[in-house]
Amino acid sequence: MKYLYEILVPTTIDNKILDEEYHKIWDSQVCDISGGLTIFSPSKGYWISQHNKLFVEKMIPVRIYCTPEDINRIADLTAAYYRQQAIMYYIISVDVQVKHYN
């Protein structure tokens, strides 16, 4: 079964702003897994790590229609590619309709 998920992708690594080309590689890898994605404008986020360190960073919300196994693969890919300590993703909807037209 597929669901609509949202995953948060960082705009920086080690306080260095990532260029669009860097993100496009991740986009392509996610598309290979899921077949597509929808990218939203970055938003400022705050979170406290498991070691009680405050992080303030811009995050890019990305929506992906895929299986639970796919989103887990995408989360692992995202953590490695963006060198993250944690990845947040969540189900947006369990009732997703895709209507095809020719």
C-alpha atoms as a PDB file:
ATOM      1  CA  MET A   1       0.000   0.000   0.000  1.00  0.00           C
ATOM      2  CA  LYS A   2       1.218   3.502  -0.815  1.00  0.00           C
ATOM      3  CA  TYR A   3       0.795   6.618   1.320  1.00  0.00           C
ATOM      4  CA  LEU A   4       1.589  10.297   0.876  1.00  0.00           C
ATOM      5  CA  TYR A   5       4.551  11.147   3.106  1.00  0.00           C
ATOM      6  CA  GLU A   6       6.395  14.359   3.837  1.00  0.00           C
ATOM      7  CA  ILE A   7      10.096  14.334   4.669  1.00  0.00           C
ATOM      8  CA  LEU A   8      12.187  17.306   5.787  1.00  0.00           C
ATOM      9  CA  VAL A   9      15.425  17.893   3.874  1.00  0.00           C
ATOM     10  CA  PRO A  10      18.101  20.316   5.122  1.00  0.00           C
ATOM     11  CA  THR A  11      19.286  23.315   3.115  1.00  0.00           C
ATOM     12  CA  THR A  12      22.787  23.226   4.633  1.00  0.00           C
ATOM     13  CA  ILE A  13      25.529  20.847   5.726  1.00  0.00           C
ATOM     14  CA  ASP A  14      27.920  22.105   8.404  1.00  0.00           C
ATOM     15  CA  ASN A  15      26.447  25.618   7.982  1.00  0.00           C
ATOM     16  CA  LYS A  16      27.281  25.632   4.250  1.00  0.00           C
ATOM     17  CA  ILE A  17      24.333  26.390   1.962  1.00  0.00           C
ATOM     18  CA  LEU A  18      23.824  23.585  -0.538  1.00  0.00           C
ATOM     19  CA  ASP A  19      23.429  24.515  -4.176  1.00  0.00           C
ATOM     20  CA  GLU A  20      20.583  23.331  -6.364  1.00  0.00           C
ATOM     21  CA  GLU A  21      22.795  20.776  -8.134  1.00  0.00           C
ATOM     22  CA  TYR A  22      23.502  19.004  -4.834  1.00  0.00           C
ATOM     23  CA  HIS A  23      19.771  18.719  -4.134  1.00  0.00           C
ATOM     24  CA  LYS A  24      19.043  17.528  -7.690  1.00  0.00           C
ATOM     25  CA  ILE A  25      21.156  14.403  -7.111  1.00  0.00           C
ATOM     26  CA  TRP A  26      19.025  13.532  -4.073  1.00  0.00           C
ATOM     27  CA  ASP A  27      15.852  14.347  -6.037  1.00  0.00           C
ATOM     28  CA  SER A  28      16.899  11.914  -8.765  1.00  0.00           C
ATOM     29  CA  GLN A  29      17.676   9.136  -6.288  1.00  0.00           C
ATOM     30  CA  VAL A  30      14.291   9.598  -4.581  1.00  0.00           C
ATOM     31  CA  CYS A  31      12.504   9.585  -7.946  1.00  0.00           C
ATOM     32  CA  ASP A  32      14.245   6.302  -8.768  1.00  0.00           C
ATOM     33  CA  ILE A  33      12.743   4.806  -5.607  1.00  0.00           C
ATOM     34  CA  SER A  34       9.287   6.399  -5.583  1.00  0.00           C
ATOM     35  CA  GLY A  35       8.606   7.600  -9.110  1.00  0.00           C
ATOM     36  CA  GLY A  36       8.260  11.270  -8.158  1.00  0.00           C
ATOM     37  CA  LEU A  37       8.205  13.975  -5.521  1.00  0.00           C
ATOM     38  CA  THR A  38       6.833  17.447  -4.791  1.00  0.00           C
ATOM     39  CA  ILE A  39       9.237  20.032  -3.378  1.00  0.00           C
ATOM     40  CA  PHE A  40       8.013  22.962  -1.272  1.00  0.00           C
ATOM     41  CA  SER A  41       9.728  26.214  -0.259  1.00  0.00           C
ATOM     42  CA  PRO A  42      12.132  26.006   2.701  1.00  0.00           C
ATOM     43  CA  SER A  43      10.899  26.827   6.191  1.00  0.00           C
ATOM     44  CA  LYS A  44      12.819  27.619   9.354  1.00  0.00           C
ATOM     45  CA  GLY A  45      12.823  24.832  11.912  1.00  0.00           C
ATOM     46  CA  TYR A  46      14.030  24.314  15.478  1.00  0.00           C
ATOM     47  CA  TRP A  47      14.733  20.985  17.084  1.00  0.00           C
ATOM     48  CA  ILE A  48      16.635  19.610  20.047  1.00  0.00           C
ATOM     49  CA  SER A  49      18.851  16.589  19.464  1.00  0.00           C
ATOM     50  CA  GLN A  50      18.884  13.528  21.672  1.00  0.00           C
ATOM     51  CA  HIS A  51      22.008  15.081  23.260  1.00  0.00           C
ATOM     52  CA  ASN A  52      20.078  18.267  24.172  1.00  0.00           C
ATOM     53  CA  LYS A  53      21.699  20.440  21.491  1.00  0.00           C
ATOM     54  CA  LEU A  54      19.475  23.049  19.843  1.00  0.00           C
ATOM     55  CA  PHE A  55      19.535  23.132  16.043  1.00  0.00           C
ATOM     56  CA  VAL A  56      18.078  25.989  14.017  1.00  0.00           C
ATOM     57  CA  GLU A  57      18.009  25.341  10.302  1.00  0.00           C
ATOM     58  CA  LYS A  58      15.971  25.804   7.186  1.00  0.00           C
ATOM     59  CA  MET A  59      14.322  22.637   5.994  1.00  0.00           C
ATOM     60  CA  ILE A  60      12.710  21.772   2.671  1.00  0.00           C
ATOM     61  CA  PRO A  61       9.405  19.897   2.966  1.00  0.00           C
ATOM     62  CA  VAL A  62       9.198  17.237   0.244  1.00  0.00           C
ATOM     63  CA  ARG A  63       6.119  15.105  -0.399  1.00  0.00           C
ATOM     64  CA  ILE A  64       6.492  11.594  -1.731  1.00  0.00           C
ATOM     65  CA  TYR A  65       3.864   9.003  -2.654  1.00  0.00           C
ATOM     66  CA  CYS A  66       5.366   5.622  -1.801  1.00  0.00           C
ATOM     67  CA  THR A  67       5.252   2.497   0.342  1.00  0.00           C
ATOM     68  CA  PRO A  68       6.440   2.362   3.984  1.00  0.00           C
ATOM     69  CA  GLU A  69       9.457   0.340   2.804  1.00  0.00           C
ATOM     70  CA  ASP A  70      10.287   3.023   0.228  1.00  0.00           C
ATOM     71  CA  ILE A  71      10.075   5.902   2.730  1.00  0.00           C
ATOM     72  CA  ASN A  72      12.386   4.016   5.087  1.00  0.00           C
ATOM     73  CA  ARG A  73      14.911   3.613   2.247  1.00  0.00           C
ATOM     74  CA  ILE A  74      14.497   7.311   1.409  1.00  0.00           C
ATOM     75  CA  ALA A  75      15.023   8.297   5.075  1.00  0.00           C
ATOM     76  CA  ASP A  76      18.247   6.244   5.217  1.00  0.00           C
ATOM     77  CA  LEU A  77      19.406   7.742   1.913  1.00  0.00           C
ATOM     78  CA  THR A  78      18.586  11.252   3.161  1.00  0.00           C
ATOM     79  CA  ALA A  79      20.437  10.775   6.457  1.00  0.00           C
ATOM     80  CA  ALA A  80      23.560   9.559   4.666  1.00  0.00           C
ATOM     81  CA  TYR A  81      23.461  12.043   1.782  1.00  0.00           C
ATOM     82  CA  TYR A  82      22.855  15.114   3.960  1.00  0.00           C
ATOM     83  CA  ARG A  83      24.896  13.802   6.936  1.00  0.00           C
ATOM     84  CA  GLN A  84      21.997  14.172   9.376  1.00  0.00           C
ATOM     85  CA  GLN A  85      21.676  12.929  12.952  1.00  0.00           C
ATOM     86  CA  ALA A  86      17.934  12.478  12.535  1.00  0.00           C
ATOM     87  CA  ILE A  87      15.359  12.504   9.755  1.00  0.00           C
ATOM     88  CA  MET A  88      11.734  13.489  10.257  1.00  0.00           C
ATOM     89  CA  TYR A  89       9.065  12.088   7.991  1.00  0.00           C
ATOM     90  CA  TYR A  90       5.380  11.462   8.479  1.00  0.00           C
ATOM     91  CA  ILE A  91       2.240  10.393   6.688  1.00  0.00           C
ATOM     92  CA  ILE A  92       0.262  13.250   5.165  1.00  0.00           C
ATOM     93  CA  SER A  93      -2.575  11.020   3.938  1.00  0.00           C
ATOM     94  CA  VAL A  94      -3.560   7.369   3.753  1.00  0.00           C
ATOM     95  CA  ASP A  95      -6.316   8.185   1.254  1.00  0.00           C
ATOM     96  CA  VAL A  96      -4.528   9.198  -1.928  1.00  0.00           C
ATOM     97  CA  GLN A  97      -6.227   9.184  -5.284  1.00  0.00           C
ATOM     98  CA  VAL A  98      -4.267   9.321  -8.529  1.00  0.00           C
ATOM     99  CA  LYS A  99      -6.514   9.759 -11.526  1.00  0.00           C
ATOM    100  CA  HIS A 100      -4.848   9.194 -14.885  1.00  0.00           C
ATOM    101  CA  TYR A 101      -5.958  10.892 -18.122  1.00  0.00           C
ATOM    102  CA  ASN A 102      -4.839  10.192 -21.663  1.00  0.00           C
END
